């Protein structure tokens, strides 16, 4: 949340430094959905501020790939999806969308299908 405060205050460079020094490396080291979603969300906010985040997003995409078949929640899948777009990785994005379609169309039951 500190990075978001920096963005709100117009201190975009400080938010980028927090990503580069702490948030990004922790997400990559951990590799779980939660830290990857945090890092991706910050990259989206930085992108909306005009920061070129493509290389940073590309690094996260490599770690998101192991979750492409998890479909834990739309929240995480959505962060994975927009991260592939930030990385300008249309192949990874198309594969993720195809995997989601296959998962939805499967004959499974339960709350996550609806």
PDB file of N, CA and C in Angstrom:
ATOM      1  N   UNK A   1       0.809  -1.190   0.000  1.00  0.00           N
ATOM      2  CA  UNK A   1       0.000   0.000   0.000  1.00  0.00           C
ATOM      3  C   UNK A   1       0.860   1.265   0.000  1.00  0.00           C
ATOM      4  N   UNK A   2       2.071   1.126   0.445  1.00  0.00           N
ATOM      5  CA  UNK A   2       2.967   2.290   0.420  1.00  0.00           C
ATOM      6  C   UNK A   2       3.174   2.770  -1.011  1.00  0.00           C
ATOM      7  N   UNK A   3       3.310   1.823  -1.938  1.00  0.00           N
ATOM      8  CA  UNK A   3       3.508   2.200  -3.335  1.00  0.00           C
ATOM      9  C   UNK A   3       2.292   2.949  -3.873  1.00  0.00           C
ATOM     10  N   UNK A   4       1.106   2.547  -3.452  1.00  0.00           N
ATOM     11  CA  UNK A   4      -0.109   3.231  -3.892  1.00  0.00           C
ATOM     12  C   UNK A   4      -0.152   4.656  -3.364  1.00  0.00           C
ATOM     13  N   UNK A   5       0.314   4.851  -2.144  1.00  0.00           N
ATOM     14  CA  UNK A   5       0.386   6.194  -1.579  1.00  0.00           C
ATOM     15  C   UNK A   5       1.337   7.054  -2.408  1.00  0.00           C
ATOM     16  N   UNK A   6       2.479   6.497  -2.777  1.00  0.00           N
ATOM     17  CA  UNK A   6       3.426   7.249  -3.611  1.00  0.00           C
ATOM     18  C   UNK A   6       2.784   7.639  -4.943  1.00  0.00           C
ATOM     19  N   UNK A   7       2.033   6.708  -5.531  1.00  0.00           N
ATOM     20  CA  UNK A   7       1.368   7.026  -6.798  1.00  0.00           C
ATOM     21  C   UNK A   7       0.360   8.150  -6.583  1.00  0.00           C
ATOM     22  N   UNK A   8      -0.429   8.046  -5.523  1.00  0.00           N
ATOM     23  CA  UNK A   8      -1.431   9.067  -5.223  1.00  0.00           C
ATOM     24  C   UNK A   8      -0.787  10.444  -5.031  1.00  0.00           C
ATOM     25  N   UNK A   9       0.396  10.461  -4.450  1.00  0.00           N
ATOM     26  CA  UNK A   9       1.103  11.720  -4.206  1.00  0.00           C
ATOM     27  C   UNK A   9       1.890  12.202  -5.426  1.00  0.00           C
ATOM     28  N   UNK A  10       1.824  11.418  -6.514  1.00  0.00           N
ATOM     29  CA  UNK A  10       2.552  11.796  -7.718  1.00  0.00           C
ATOM     30  C   UNK A  10       4.012  11.406  -7.694  1.00  0.00           C
ATOM     31  N   UNK A  11       4.387  10.582  -6.745  1.00  0.00           N
ATOM     32  CA  UNK A  11       5.783  10.133  -6.600  1.00  0.00           C
ATOM     33  C   UNK A  11       5.955   8.766  -7.276  1.00  0.00           C
ATOM     34  N   UNK A  12       5.718   8.762  -8.566  1.00  0.00           N
ATOM     35  CA  UNK A  12       5.712   7.511  -9.335  1.00  0.00           C
ATOM     36  C   UNK A  12       7.064   6.810  -9.267  1.00  0.00           C
ATOM     37  N   UNK A  13       8.146   7.579  -9.298  1.00  0.00           N
ATOM     38  CA  UNK A  13       9.486   6.979  -9.257  1.00  0.00           C
ATOM     39  C   UNK A  13       9.694   6.190  -7.953  1.00  0.00           C
ATOM     40  N   UNK A  14       9.141   6.686  -6.849  1.00  0.00           N
ATOM     41  CA  UNK A  14       9.249   5.970  -5.569  1.00  0.00           C
ATOM     42  C   UNK A  14       8.470   4.665  -5.605  1.00  0.00           C
ATOM     43  N   UNK A  15       7.321   4.679  -6.262  1.00  0.00           N
ATOM     44  CA  UNK A  15       6.527   3.453  -6.400  1.00  0.00           C
ATOM     45  C   UNK A  15       7.260   2.429  -7.268  1.00  0.00           C
ATOM     46  N   UNK A  16       7.885   2.911  -8.331  1.00  0.00           N
ATOM     47  CA  UNK A  16       8.678   2.019  -9.194  1.00  0.00           C
ATOM     48  C   UNK A  16       9.833   1.419  -8.397  1.00  0.00           C
ATOM     49  N   UNK A  17      10.497   2.230  -7.589  1.00  0.00           N
ATOM     50  CA  UNK A  17      11.617   1.737  -6.776  1.00  0.00           C
ATOM     51  C   UNK A  17      11.139   0.675  -5.785  1.00  0.00           C
ATOM     52  N   UNK A  18       9.974   0.878  -5.182  1.00  0.00           N
ATOM     53  CA  UNK A  18       9.431  -0.137  -4.265  1.00  0.00           C
ATOM     54  C   UNK A  18       9.156  -1.437  -5.007  1.00  0.00           C
ATOM     55  N   UNK A  19       8.620  -1.315  -6.220  1.00  0.00           N
ATOM     56  CA  UNK A  19       8.386  -2.525  -7.018  1.00  0.00           C
ATOM     57  C   UNK A  19       9.713  -3.223  -7.307  1.00  0.00           C
ATOM     58  N   UNK A  20      10.666  -2.472  -7.816  1.00  0.00           N
ATOM     59  CA  UNK A  20      11.941  -3.061  -8.232  1.00  0.00           C
ATOM     60  C   UNK A  20      12.748  -3.627  -7.066  1.00  0.00           C
ATOM     61  N   UNK A  21      12.676  -2.978  -5.917  1.00  0.00           N
ATOM     62  CA  UNK A  21      13.506  -3.393  -4.775  1.00  0.00           C
ATOM     63  C   UNK A  21      12.836  -4.421  -3.876  1.00  0.00           C
ATOM     64  N   UNK A  22      11.499  -4.422  -3.824  1.00  0.00           N
ATOM     65  CA  UNK A  22      10.815  -5.257  -2.841  1.00  0.00           C
ATOM     66  C   UNK A  22       9.687  -6.094  -3.426  1.00  0.00           C
ATOM     67  N   UNK A  23       8.690  -5.442  -3.989  1.00  0.00           N
ATOM     68  CA  UNK A  23       7.451  -6.125  -4.370  1.00  0.00           C
ATOM     69  C   UNK A  23       7.675  -7.140  -5.486  1.00  0.00           C
ATOM     70  N   UNK A  24       8.350  -6.725  -6.544  1.00  0.00           N
ATOM     71  CA  UNK A  24       8.630  -7.633  -7.658  1.00  0.00           C
ATOM     72  C   UNK A  24       9.479  -8.829  -7.246  1.00  0.00           C
ATOM     73  N   UNK A  25      10.624  -8.584  -6.598  1.00  0.00           N
ATOM     74  CA  UNK A  25      11.453  -9.722  -6.179  1.00  0.00           C
ATOM     75  C   UNK A  25      10.742 -10.687  -5.222  1.00  0.00           C
ATOM     76  N   UNK A  26       9.936 -10.157  -4.315  1.00  0.00           N
ATOM     77  CA  UNK A  26       9.195 -11.044  -3.398  1.00  0.00           C
ATOM     78  C   UNK A  26       8.181 -11.895  -4.145  1.00  0.00           C
ATOM     79  N   UNK A  27       7.508 -11.293  -5.111  1.00  0.00           N
ATOM     80  CA  UNK A  27       6.529 -12.045  -5.899  1.00  0.00           C
ATOM     81  C   UNK A  27       7.200 -13.162  -6.683  1.00  0.00           C
ATOM     82  N   UNK A  28       8.339 -12.847  -7.274  1.00  0.00           N
ATOM     83  CA  UNK A  28       9.075 -13.839  -8.053  1.00  0.00           C
ATOM     84  C   UNK A  28       9.599 -14.953  -7.148  1.00  0.00           C
ATOM     85  N   UNK A  29      10.131 -14.578  -5.995  1.00  0.00           N
ATOM     86  CA  UNK A  29      10.676 -15.580  -5.070  1.00  0.00           C
ATOM     87  C   UNK A  29       9.582 -16.495  -4.537  1.00  0.00           C
ATOM     88  N   UNK A  30       8.446 -15.918  -4.143  1.00  0.00           N
ATOM     89  CA  UNK A  30       7.348 -16.705  -3.581  1.00  0.00           C
ATOM     90  C   UNK A  30       6.626 -17.502  -4.659  1.00  0.00           C
ATOM     91  N   UNK A  31       6.259 -16.844  -5.749  1.00  0.00           N
ATOM     92  CA  UNK A  31       5.607 -17.503  -6.875  1.00  0.00           C
ATOM     93  C   UNK A  31       4.150 -17.855  -6.671  1.00  0.00           C
ATOM     94  N   UNK A  32       3.569 -17.463  -5.547  1.00  0.00           N
ATOM     95  CA  UNK A  32       2.166 -17.773  -5.284  1.00  0.00           C
ATOM     96  C   UNK A  32       1.225 -16.754  -5.905  1.00  0.00           C
ATOM     97  N   UNK A  33      -0.051 -17.138  -5.977  1.00  0.00           N
ATOM     98  CA  UNK A  33      -1.062 -16.258  -6.568  1.00  0.00           C
ATOM     99  C   UNK A  33      -1.135 -14.891  -5.889  1.00  0.00           C
ATOM    100  N   UNK A  34      -1.104 -14.882  -4.559  1.00  0.00           N
ATOM    101  CA  UNK A  34      -1.298 -13.624  -3.842  1.00  0.00           C
ATOM    102  C   UNK A  34      -0.187 -12.616  -4.121  1.00  0.00           C
ATOM    103  N   UNK A  35       1.092 -12.978  -3.933  1.00  0.00           N
ATOM    104  CA  UNK A  35       2.135 -11.980  -4.234  1.00  0.00           C
ATOM    105  C   UNK A  35       2.212 -11.625  -5.719  1.00  0.00           C
ATOM    106  N   UNK A  36       1.925 -12.576  -6.588  1.00  0.00           N
ATOM    107  CA  UNK A  36       1.927 -12.265  -8.017  1.00  0.00           C
ATOM    108  C   UNK A  36       0.798 -11.299  -8.368  1.00  0.00           C
ATOM    109  N   UNK A  37      -0.357 -11.474  -7.726  1.00  0.00           N
ATOM    110  CA  UNK A  37      -1.471 -10.550  -8.005  1.00  0.00           C
ATOM    111  C   UNK A  37      -1.159  -9.154  -7.479  1.00  0.00           C
ATOM    112  N   UNK A  38      -0.537  -9.067  -6.312  1.00  0.00           N
ATOM    113  CA  UNK A  38      -0.131  -7.753  -5.784  1.00  0.00           C
ATOM    114  C   UNK A  38       0.829  -7.058  -6.743  1.00  0.00           C
ATOM    115  N   UNK A  39       1.825  -7.792  -7.195  1.00  0.00           N
ATOM    116  CA  UNK A  39       2.816  -7.212  -8.101  1.00  0.00           C
ATOM    117  C   UNK A  39       2.163  -6.800  -9.419  1.00  0.00           C
ATOM    118  N   UNK A  40       1.292  -7.644  -9.948  1.00  0.00           N
ATOM    119  CA  UNK A  40       0.614  -7.332 -11.210  1.00  0.00           C
ATOM    120  C   UNK A  40      -0.272  -6.103 -11.074  1.00  0.00           C
ATOM    121  N   UNK A  41      -0.976  -6.008  -9.941  1.00  0.00           N
ATOM    122  CA  UNK A  41      -1.850  -4.852  -9.720  1.00  0.00           C
ATOM    123  C   UNK A  41      -1.040  -3.555  -9.676  1.00  0.00           C
ATOM    124  N   UNK A  42       0.100  -3.598  -9.021  1.00  0.00           N
ATOM    125  CA  UNK A  42       0.943  -2.405  -8.976  1.00  0.00           C
ATOM    126  C   UNK A  42       1.456  -2.060 -10.369  1.00  0.00           C
ATOM    127  N   UNK A  43       1.833  -3.079 -11.140  1.00  0.00           N
ATOM    128  CA  UNK A  43       2.280  -2.806 -12.506  1.00  0.00           C
ATOM    129  C   UNK A  43       1.167  -2.162 -13.330  1.00  0.00           C
ATOM    130  N   UNK A  44      -0.071  -2.613 -13.143  1.00  0.00           N
ATOM    131  CA  UNK A  44      -1.182  -2.003 -13.874  1.00  0.00           C
ATOM    132  C   UNK A  44      -1.335  -0.536 -13.484  1.00  0.00           C
ATOM    133  N   UNK A  45      -1.243  -0.254 -12.208  1.00  0.00           N
ATOM    134  CA  UNK A  45      -1.358   1.143 -11.762  1.00  0.00           C
ATOM    135  C   UNK A  45      -0.218   2.003 -12.315  1.00  0.00           C
ATOM    136  N   UNK A  46       0.977   1.425 -12.341  1.00  0.00           N
ATOM    137  CA  UNK A  46       2.115   2.163 -12.909  1.00  0.00           C
ATOM    138  C   UNK A  46       1.923   2.383 -14.407  1.00  0.00           C
ATOM    139  N   UNK A  47       1.421   1.365 -15.078  1.00  0.00           N
ATOM    140  CA  UNK A  47       1.133   1.485 -16.513  1.00  0.00           C
ATOM    141  C   UNK A  47       0.141   2.628 -16.761  1.00  0.00           C
ATOM    142  N   UNK A  48      -0.884   2.707 -15.921  1.00  0.00           N
ATOM    143  CA  UNK A  48      -1.882   3.764 -16.067  1.00  0.00           C
ATOM    144  C   UNK A  48      -1.301   5.150 -15.799  1.00  0.00           C
ATOM    145  N   UNK A  49      -0.153   5.184 -15.116  1.00  0.00           N
ATOM    146  CA  UNK A  49       0.557   6.453 -14.874  1.00  0.00           C
ATOM    147  C   UNK A  49       1.569   6.749 -15.975  1.00  0.00           C
ATOM    148  N   UNK A  50       1.640   5.877 -16.988  1.00  0.00           N
ATOM    149  CA  UNK A  50       2.525   6.120 -18.117  1.00  0.00           C
ATOM    150  C   UNK A  50       3.881   5.445 -18.029  1.00  0.00           C
ATOM    151  N   UNK A  51       4.072   4.595 -17.018  1.00  0.00           N
ATOM    152  CA  UNK A  51       5.343   3.894 -16.864  1.00  0.00           C
ATOM    153  C   UNK A  51       5.353   2.677 -17.789  1.00  0.00           C
ATOM    154  N   UNK A  52       6.456   2.468 -18.494  1.00  0.00           N
ATOM    155  CA  UNK A  52       6.600   1.273 -19.316  1.00  0.00           C
ATOM    156  C   UNK A  52       6.938   0.102 -18.391  1.00  0.00           C
ATOM    157  N   UNK A  53       5.999  -0.832 -18.244  1.00  0.00           N
ATOM    158  CA  UNK A  53       6.171  -1.957 -17.321  1.00  0.00           C
ATOM    159  C   UNK A  53       6.323  -3.284 -18.054  1.00  0.00           C
ATOM    160  N   UNK A  54       6.461  -3.238 -19.359  1.00  0.00           N
ATOM    161  CA  UNK A  54       6.452  -4.464 -20.157  1.00  0.00           C
ATOM    162  C   UNK A  54       7.487  -5.487 -19.695  1.00  0.00           C
ATOM    163  N   UNK A  55       8.714  -5.084 -19.472  1.00  0.00           N
ATOM    164  CA  UNK A  55       9.750  -6.038 -19.050  1.00  0.00           C
ATOM    165  C   UNK A  55       9.444  -6.620 -17.675  1.00  0.00           C
ATOM    166  N   UNK A  56       8.963  -5.785 -16.775  1.00  0.00           N
ATOM    167  CA  UNK A  56       8.621  -6.268 -15.433  1.00  0.00           C
ATOM    168  C   UNK A  56       7.458  -7.254 -15.511  1.00  0.00           C
ATOM    169  N   UNK A  57       6.457  -6.937 -16.317  1.00  0.00           N
ATOM    170  CA  UNK A  57       5.306  -7.835 -16.473  1.00  0.00           C
ATOM    171  C   UNK A  57       5.725  -9.139 -17.143  1.00  0.00           C
ATOM    172  N   UNK A  58       6.647  -9.048 -18.074  1.00  0.00           N
ATOM    173  CA  UNK A  58       7.131 -10.258 -18.750  1.00  0.00           C
ATOM    174  C   UNK A  58       7.803 -11.198 -17.739  1.00  0.00           C
ATOM    175  N   UNK A  59       8.545 -10.623 -16.804  1.00  0.00           N
ATOM    176  CA  UNK A  59       9.169 -11.444 -15.768  1.00  0.00           C
ATOM    177  C   UNK A  59       8.101 -12.146 -14.923  1.00  0.00           C
ATOM    178  N   UNK A  60       7.034 -11.438 -14.579  1.00  0.00           N
ATOM    179  CA  UNK A  60       5.964 -12.059 -13.789  1.00  0.00           C
ATOM    180  C   UNK A  60       5.220 -13.127 -14.587  1.00  0.00           C
ATOM    181  N   UNK A  61       5.046 -12.898 -15.885  1.00  0.00           N
ATOM    182  CA  UNK A  61       4.323 -13.862 -16.723  1.00  0.00           C
ATOM    183  C   UNK A  61       4.951 -15.251 -16.626  1.00  0.00           C
ATOM    184  N   UNK A  62       6.265 -15.296 -16.588  1.00  0.00           N
ATOM    185  CA  UNK A  62       6.952 -16.592 -16.472  1.00  0.00           C
ATOM    186  C   UNK A  62       6.567 -17.310 -15.183  1.00  0.00           C
ATOM    187  N   UNK A  63       6.293 -16.563 -14.124  1.00  0.00           N
ATOM    188  CA  UNK A  63       5.921 -17.168 -12.844  1.00  0.00           C
ATOM    189  C   UNK A  63       4.424 -17.425 -12.756  1.00  0.00           C
ATOM    190  N   UNK A  64       3.630 -16.651 -13.461  1.00  0.00           N
ATOM    191  CA  UNK A  64       2.191 -16.898 -13.518  1.00  0.00           C
ATOM    192  C   UNK A  64       1.886 -18.196 -14.275  1.00  0.00           C
ATOM    193  N   UNK A  65       2.732 -18.561 -15.227  1.00  0.00           N
ATOM    194  CA  UNK A  65       2.447 -19.709 -16.092  1.00  0.00           C
ATOM    195  C   UNK A  65       2.143 -20.980 -15.310  1.00  0.00           C
ATOM    196  N   UNK A  66       2.798 -21.173 -14.175  1.00  0.00           N
ATOM    197  CA  UNK A  66       2.549 -22.402 -13.413  1.00  0.00           C
ATOM    198  C   UNK A  66       1.151 -22.425 -12.800  1.00  0.00           C
ATOM    199  N   UNK A  67       0.457 -21.282 -12.816  1.00  0.00           N
ATOM    200  CA  UNK A  67      -0.907 -21.196 -12.281  1.00  0.00           C
ATOM    201  C   UNK A  67      -1.972 -21.190 -13.376  1.00  0.00           C
ATOM    202  N   UNK A  68      -1.572 -21.360 -14.625  1.00  0.00           N
ATOM    203  CA  UNK A  68      -2.515 -21.233 -15.728  1.00  0.00           C
ATOM    204  C   UNK A  68      -3.644 -22.256 -15.711  1.00  0.00           C
ATOM    205  N   UNK A  69      -3.504 -23.325 -14.982  1.00  0.00           N
ATOM    206  CA  UNK A  69      -4.560 -24.338 -14.898  1.00  0.00           C
ATOM    207  C   UNK A  69      -5.191 -24.407 -13.515  1.00  0.00           C
ATOM    208  N   UNK A  70      -4.841 -23.478 -12.628  1.00  0.00           N
ATOM    209  CA  UNK A  70      -5.363 -23.521 -11.257  1.00  0.00           C
ATOM    210  C   UNK A  70      -6.822 -23.088 -11.178  1.00  0.00           C
ATOM    211  N   UNK A  71      -7.143 -21.956 -11.746  1.00  0.00           N
ATOM    212  CA  UNK A  71      -8.487 -21.391 -11.726  1.00  0.00           C
ATOM    213  C   UNK A  71      -9.050 -21.351 -10.309  1.00  0.00           C
ATOM    214  N   UNK A  72      -8.274 -20.770  -9.424  1.00  0.00           N
ATOM    215  CA  UNK A  72      -8.661 -20.653  -8.021  1.00  0.00           C
ATOM    216  C   UNK A  72      -9.794 -19.653  -7.872  1.00  0.00           C
ATOM    217  N   UNK A  73      -9.660 -18.523  -8.545  1.00  0.00           N
ATOM    218  CA  UNK A  73     -10.712 -17.510  -8.483  1.00  0.00           C
ATOM    219  C   UNK A  73     -10.543 -16.555  -9.652  1.00  0.00           C
ATOM    220  N   UNK A  74     -11.618 -15.900 -10.000  1.00  0.00           N
ATOM    221  CA  UNK A  74     -11.570 -14.928 -11.078  1.00  0.00           C
ATOM    222  C   UNK A  74     -10.606 -13.790 -10.741  1.00  0.00           C
ATOM    223  N   UNK A  75     -10.487 -13.472  -9.474  1.00  0.00           N
ATOM    224  CA  UNK A  75      -9.574 -12.417  -9.043  1.00  0.00           C
ATOM    225  C   UNK A  75      -8.150 -12.722  -9.498  1.00  0.00           C
ATOM    226  N   UNK A  76      -7.646 -13.902  -9.148  1.00  0.00           N
ATOM    227  CA  UNK A  76      -6.276 -14.255  -9.526  1.00  0.00           C
ATOM    228  C   UNK A  76      -6.147 -14.468 -11.026  1.00  0.00           C
ATOM    229  N   UNK A  77      -7.124 -15.148 -11.615  1.00  0.00           N
ATOM    230  CA  UNK A  77      -7.068 -15.388 -13.055  1.00  0.00           C
ATOM    231  C   UNK A  77      -7.092 -14.072 -13.829  1.00  0.00           C
ATOM    232  N   UNK A  78      -7.869 -13.111 -13.337  1.00  0.00           N
ATOM    233  CA  UNK A  78      -7.925 -11.806 -13.983  1.00  0.00           C
ATOM    234  C   UNK A  78      -6.592 -11.074 -13.912  1.00  0.00           C
ATOM    235  N   UNK A  79      -5.942 -11.150 -12.755  1.00  0.00           N
ATOM    236  CA  UNK A  79      -4.622 -10.520 -12.616  1.00  0.00           C
ATOM    237  C   UNK A  79      -3.604 -11.198 -13.534  1.00  0.00           C
ATOM    238  N   UNK A  80      -3.654 -12.506 -13.607  1.00  0.00           N
ATOM    239  CA  UNK A  80      -2.782 -13.251 -14.509  1.00  0.00           C
ATOM    240  C   UNK A  80      -3.035 -12.787 -15.943  1.00  0.00           C
ATOM    241  N   UNK A  81      -4.306 -12.672 -16.305  1.00  0.00           N
ATOM    242  CA  UNK A  81      -4.676 -12.301 -17.665  1.00  0.00           C
ATOM    243  C   UNK A  81      -4.196 -10.899 -18.025  1.00  0.00           C
ATOM    244  N   UNK A  82      -4.477  -9.910 -17.173  1.00  0.00           N
ATOM    245  CA  UNK A  82      -4.043  -8.564 -17.556  1.00  0.00           C
ATOM    246  C   UNK A  82      -2.532  -8.413 -17.477  1.00  0.00           C
ATOM    247  N   UNK A  83      -1.868  -9.236 -16.658  1.00  0.00           N
ATOM    248  CA  UNK A  83      -0.407  -9.189 -16.639  1.00  0.00           C
ATOM    249  C   UNK A  83       0.165  -9.630 -17.983  1.00  0.00           C
ATOM    250  N   UNK A  84      -0.436 -10.661 -18.601  1.00  0.00           N
ATOM    251  CA  UNK A  84       0.058 -11.095 -19.917  1.00  0.00           C
ATOM    252  C   UNK A  84      -0.129  -9.989 -20.950  1.00  0.00           C
ATOM    253  N   UNK A  85      -1.191  -9.197 -20.803  1.00  0.00           N
ATOM    254  CA  UNK A  85      -1.401  -8.075 -21.723  1.00  0.00           C
ATOM    255  C   UNK A  85      -0.389  -6.963 -21.479  1.00  0.00           C
ATOM    256  N   UNK A  86      -0.083  -6.688 -20.198  1.00  0.00           N
ATOM    257  CA  UNK A  86       0.955  -5.693 -19.887  1.00  0.00           C
ATOM    258  C   UNK A  86       2.302  -6.124 -20.449  1.00  0.00           C
ATOM    259  N   UNK A  87       2.543  -7.430 -20.463  1.00  0.00           N
ATOM    260  CA  UNK A  87       3.796  -7.971 -20.985  1.00  0.00           C
ATOM    261  C   UNK A  87       3.797  -8.037 -22.511  1.00  0.00           C
ATOM    262  N   UNK A  88       2.673  -7.675 -23.119  1.00  0.00           N
ATOM    263  CA  UNK A  88       2.496  -7.770 -24.569  1.00  0.00           C
ATOM    264  C   UNK A  88       2.763  -9.186 -25.068  1.00  0.00           C
ATOM    265  N   UNK A  89       2.333 -10.153 -24.258  1.00  0.00           N
ATOM    266  CA  UNK A  89       2.513 -11.571 -24.599  1.00  0.00           C
ATOM    267  C   UNK A  89       1.167 -12.132 -25.039  1.00  0.00           C
ATOM    268  N   UNK A  90       0.861 -11.910 -26.301  1.00  0.00           N
ATOM    269  CA  UNK A  90      -0.429 -12.338 -26.843  1.00  0.00           C
ATOM    270  C   UNK A  90      -0.574 -13.860 -26.871  1.00  0.00           C
ATOM    271  N   UNK A  91       0.524 -14.566 -27.032  1.00  0.00           N
ATOM    272  CA  UNK A  91       0.483 -16.030 -27.038  1.00  0.00           C
ATOM    273  C   UNK A  91       0.101 -16.550 -25.654  1.00  0.00           C
ATOM    274  N   UNK A  92       0.754 -16.033 -24.618  1.00  0.00           N
ATOM    275  CA  UNK A  92       0.422 -16.457 -23.253  1.00  0.00           C
ATOM    276  C   UNK A  92      -1.005 -16.072 -22.901  1.00  0.00           C
ATOM    277  N   UNK A  93      -1.449 -14.894 -23.333  1.00  0.00           N
ATOM    278  CA  UNK A  93      -2.807 -14.459 -23.056  1.00  0.00           C
ATOM    279  C   UNK A  93      -3.821 -15.379 -23.735  1.00  0.00           C
ATOM    280  N   UNK A  94      -3.597 -15.697 -24.998  1.00  0.00           N
ATOM    281  CA  UNK A  94      -4.520 -16.567 -25.729  1.00  0.00           C
ATOM    282  C   UNK A  94      -4.573 -17.955 -25.094  1.00  0.00           C
ATOM    283  N   UNK A  95      -3.415 -18.471 -24.673  1.00  0.00           N
ATOM    284  CA  UNK A  95      -3.381 -19.785 -24.032  1.00  0.00           C
ATOM    285  C   UNK A  95      -4.164 -19.760 -22.722  1.00  0.00           C
ATOM    286  N   UNK A  96      -3.998 -18.712 -21.939  1.00  0.00           N
ATOM    287  CA  UNK A  96      -4.721 -18.593 -20.676  1.00  0.00           C
ATOM    288  C   UNK A  96      -6.225 -18.521 -20.917  1.00  0.00           C
ATOM    289  N   UNK A  97      -6.652 -17.718 -21.881  1.00  0.00           N
ATOM    290  CA  UNK A  97      -8.080 -17.602 -22.207  1.00  0.00           C
ATOM    291  C   UNK A  97      -8.620 -18.950 -22.695  1.00  0.00           C
ATOM    292  N   UNK A  98      -7.874 -19.645 -23.540  1.00  0.00           N
ATOM    293  CA  UNK A  98      -8.301 -20.974 -24.014  1.00  0.00           C
ATOM    294  C   UNK A  98      -8.431 -21.950 -22.845  1.00  0.00           C
ATOM    295  N   UNK A  99      -7.461 -21.924 -21.924  1.00  0.00           N
ATOM    296  CA  UNK A  99      -7.534 -22.796 -20.749  1.00  0.00           C
ATOM    297  C   UNK A  99      -8.770 -22.479 -19.916  1.00  0.00           C
ATOM    298  N   UNK A 100      -9.078 -21.198 -19.774  1.00  0.00           N
ATOM    299  CA  UNK A 100     -10.274 -20.799 -19.015  1.00  0.00           C
ATOM    300  C   UNK A 100     -11.538 -21.318 -19.696  1.00  0.00           C
ATOM    301  N   UNK A 101     -11.613 -21.170 -21.030  1.00  0.00           N
ATOM    302  CA  UNK A 101     -12.767 -21.663 -21.776  1.00  0.00           C
ATOM    303  C   UNK A 101     -12.935 -23.168 -21.592  1.00  0.00           C
ATOM    304  N   UNK A 102     -11.845 -23.897 -21.726  1.00  0.00           N
ATOM    305  CA  UNK A 102     -11.904 -25.349 -21.555  1.00  0.00           C
ATOM    306  C   UNK A 102     -12.384 -25.710 -20.152  1.00  0.00           C
ATOM    307  N   UNK A 103     -11.891 -25.006 -19.158  1.00  0.00           N
ATOM    308  CA  UNK A 103     -12.272 -25.264 -17.779  1.00  0.00           C
ATOM    309  C   UNK A 103     -13.764 -24.989 -17.570  1.00  0.00           C
ATOM    310  N   UNK A 104     -14.245 -23.889 -18.110  1.00  0.00           N
ATOM    311  CA  UNK A 104     -15.658 -23.521 -17.961  1.00  0.00           C
ATOM    312  C   UNK A 104     -16.560 -24.518 -18.670  1.00  0.00           C
ATOM    313  N   UNK A 105     -16.152 -24.978 -19.849  1.00  0.00           N
ATOM    314  CA  UNK A 105     -16.982 -25.886 -20.638  1.00  0.00           C
ATOM    315  C   UNK A 105     -16.913 -27.337 -20.182  1.00  0.00           C
ATOM    316  N   UNK A 106     -16.043 -27.654 -19.259  1.00  0.00           N
ATOM    317  CA  UNK A 106     -15.910 -29.015 -18.748  1.00  0.00           C
ATOM    318  C   UNK A 106     -17.175 -29.394 -17.980  1.00  0.00           C
ATOM    319  N   UNK A 107     -17.387 -30.690 -17.825  1.00  0.00           N
ATOM    320  CA  UNK A 107     -18.578 -31.185 -17.122  1.00  0.00           C
ATOM    321  C   UNK A 107     -18.370 -31.241 -15.625  1.00  0.00           C
ATOM    322  N   UNK A 108     -17.888 -30.190 -15.060  1.00  0.00           N
ATOM    323  CA  UNK A 108     -17.661 -30.176 -13.620  1.00  0.00           C
ATOM    324  C   UNK A 108     -18.831 -29.508 -12.928  1.00  0.00           C
ATOM    325  N   UNK A 109     -18.903 -29.682 -11.648  1.00  0.00           N
ATOM    326  CA  UNK A 109     -19.967 -29.059 -10.855  1.00  0.00           C
ATOM    327  C   UNK A 109     -19.355 -28.223  -9.755  1.00  0.00           C
ATOM    328  N   UNK A 110     -20.177 -27.452  -9.091  1.00  0.00           N
ATOM    329  CA  UNK A 110     -19.691 -26.677  -7.968  1.00  0.00           C
ATOM    330  C   UNK A 110     -19.804 -25.185  -8.190  1.00  0.00           C
ATOM    331  N   UNK A 111     -19.488 -24.474  -7.150  1.00  0.00           N
ATOM    332  CA  UNK A 111     -19.668 -23.021  -7.132  1.00  0.00           C
ATOM    333  C   UNK A 111     -18.793 -22.301  -8.151  1.00  0.00           C
ATOM    334  N   UNK A 112     -17.629 -22.846  -8.484  1.00  0.00           N
ATOM    335  CA  UNK A 112     -16.689 -22.136  -9.350  1.00  0.00           C
ATOM    336  C   UNK A 112     -17.039 -22.257 -10.821  1.00  0.00           C
ATOM    337  N   UNK A 113     -18.017 -23.112 -11.178  1.00  0.00           N
ATOM    338  CA  UNK A 113     -18.392 -23.237 -12.581  1.00  0.00           C
ATOM    339  C   UNK A 113     -19.398 -22.169 -12.979  1.00  0.00           C
ATOM    340  N   UNK A 114     -20.151 -21.708 -12.038  1.00  0.00           N
ATOM    341  CA  UNK A 114     -21.260 -20.801 -12.366  1.00  0.00           C
ATOM    342  C   UNK A 114     -20.807 -19.390 -12.606  1.00  0.00           C
TER     343      UNK A 114
END
